[in-house]
Amino acid sequence: MSDARTPGGEKTPRRRAAARGAAGPRRHATPTQARALALRILDRVERTHAYADLALSAALGRSDLSARDRAFVTELVYGTLRWRGRLDFLLGQVSDRALADLEPPVRTLLRMGAYQIAFADGVPPSAAVDQSVRCARSHGIERAAGFVNAVLRQLVRRLDAIALPTLEGDPLAHLVHALSIPEWIARRWIADLGAADAAALALASNQVPPLVARANPMRGDGARLLAELQERLPDARTSRHLAGAVELGHQGNPALDPAFLEGRMTLQDTASQLVVEWLAPVPGDRVLDVCAAPGTKTTAIAERIGAAGRVVAIDRSARRLALVGRACRRLGLRNVTTLERDARHGLTDLGSEPGPDEAARRGFDRILVDAPCSGLGTLRRNADARWRVRPDDPAALARVQREILARASELLGPGGTLVYSTCTVWAEENEAVVASVLAGDPTLRIDDRIPKTIRPFIGDDGFLRTWPHRHGTDGFFAARLTRTGAPDE
């Protein structure tokens, strides 16, 4: 009997098709609310390239579904997007029509149905088929109901007989069709990492990551937070990489936990926390946070520098910048100034704003440039990113990143520290951007002062890298630069 990967990436035996019987749908029956809502969200993501997390959050916010049904909607949306590559391969084996030729909602519905058949152990295959046909009728594509029924019934019957490409036999096809990685990404991963490491990264990118939190030191320390959380979230534990980080596991909704609502913690992946750890802000620092929204790193910096310090947080989106202010209010932070700015067009006019004028003249002590990027290090957290990012996006983003880093570095004071970070693994968005800016400014250099907590993640080239398959974190890159001409700290 062949094996299948569950949404979490672990192996489980496939159930025999004979045990999956598929009953015929009732013509006038309606689908469950959860499935109907999941289909609407997935259809919107497919048609308009909406961000899945935002579309899901908005839809659930308007619904009156139970906690169990909300969890099921979340699984259907993220699971279908995460495993789209494998689902398309499976459907291609049982359909006489190419998926590319189908109407988008029909294609999306088939994927959602196939996900339930191939991965959702709690869903009987007969229910997956029946509910998919009901969804076709309720979603306005009743003309496709018979086709959906036929294809999914075929999948139920033939699932165990479909052989997925193996890593040994065809590494590229294995990543694309078995591990659901777009071909252009799979090719680059294999070229950069080798087939085995690329497959490990792909598998890790398909696992559902645990949420991670950091304690707000103004309202308690990590040990107290962990002890409190373990009463409600028994899987909570200290991160193996960073003492102040708490891994929360997969249970519950931490965003509704009292510790979050009362400002005692913030949700932030360990890799993201390591970036702030490397910036190493200290009490009284003047810090510029470029591309700051939604403010996770901004608030981490603000918590460290205390009331005597000041963070100037800039972002070009007023709507997203409002999220920074909201986070500061929740955490009780009053040392953050938010400014709407496009960092590509120069930041020298910061001196005209109340608050940061003196910092702009003297230069900031520390600058964080958390640049907009392709986000391909966070595929396990952003299931749809792999399908949204296009092959030419990294090069286009790199041009923007170079502009932002060059402009921001002009405000770094002598002896100051600048950290450039992304959540992607492409060299053109990372090492190449840093090299280009260093070549244009001889007063900037790589800062070789490395805190002990950061050393395990620093390569021979002096750059920080984290990997989902090696560290169990999001994939991040960071470079720490300093301006020469001043004594060491």
Foldseek 3Di string as FASTA:
>chain_A
DDWAAALQLDIDRADALVVQDADDADDPDAADPLVLLLLVLQLCCQPVVDFSVVSLVVSVVPDPDDPVSSVVSVCLNLQLLQQVLQLLVLLVVQAPDRLVPDDSSLSSLLSSLSCCNRHVPVDRNNSSLRNSLNSCVVVVNNVCSVVSNRSSSSCSNCVVVDDQDDCVRDLQSCCRHRLPFPNVVLVVLCVVPNSVVSVLQSSLLSRQAFWKKFFLVVQDAQVVVQVVLCVVQVVWDAAPQDRRMIGRGDDDDVCPDPCNQQQGMDTDWPVLVVLLVFLPAAAQFEEEEEQQFPPPSVVVNQSHRPPNYAYEYEHQDPVRLVNNVVSCVSNVGDRYHYDRDLLLVADLCVLVDPDCVVLQVQAGQEYEAAADALLALNCSPRVNSSVSDDPCRRLVSLVSLLSNVLRNVVRHHAQHKYKYKYLDDDCSNAVVSVVVSCVVDVQKDFDQDGDPSQVVQADPVGKGFDGCSPRVTGTMIMTMMHGHDDDHD
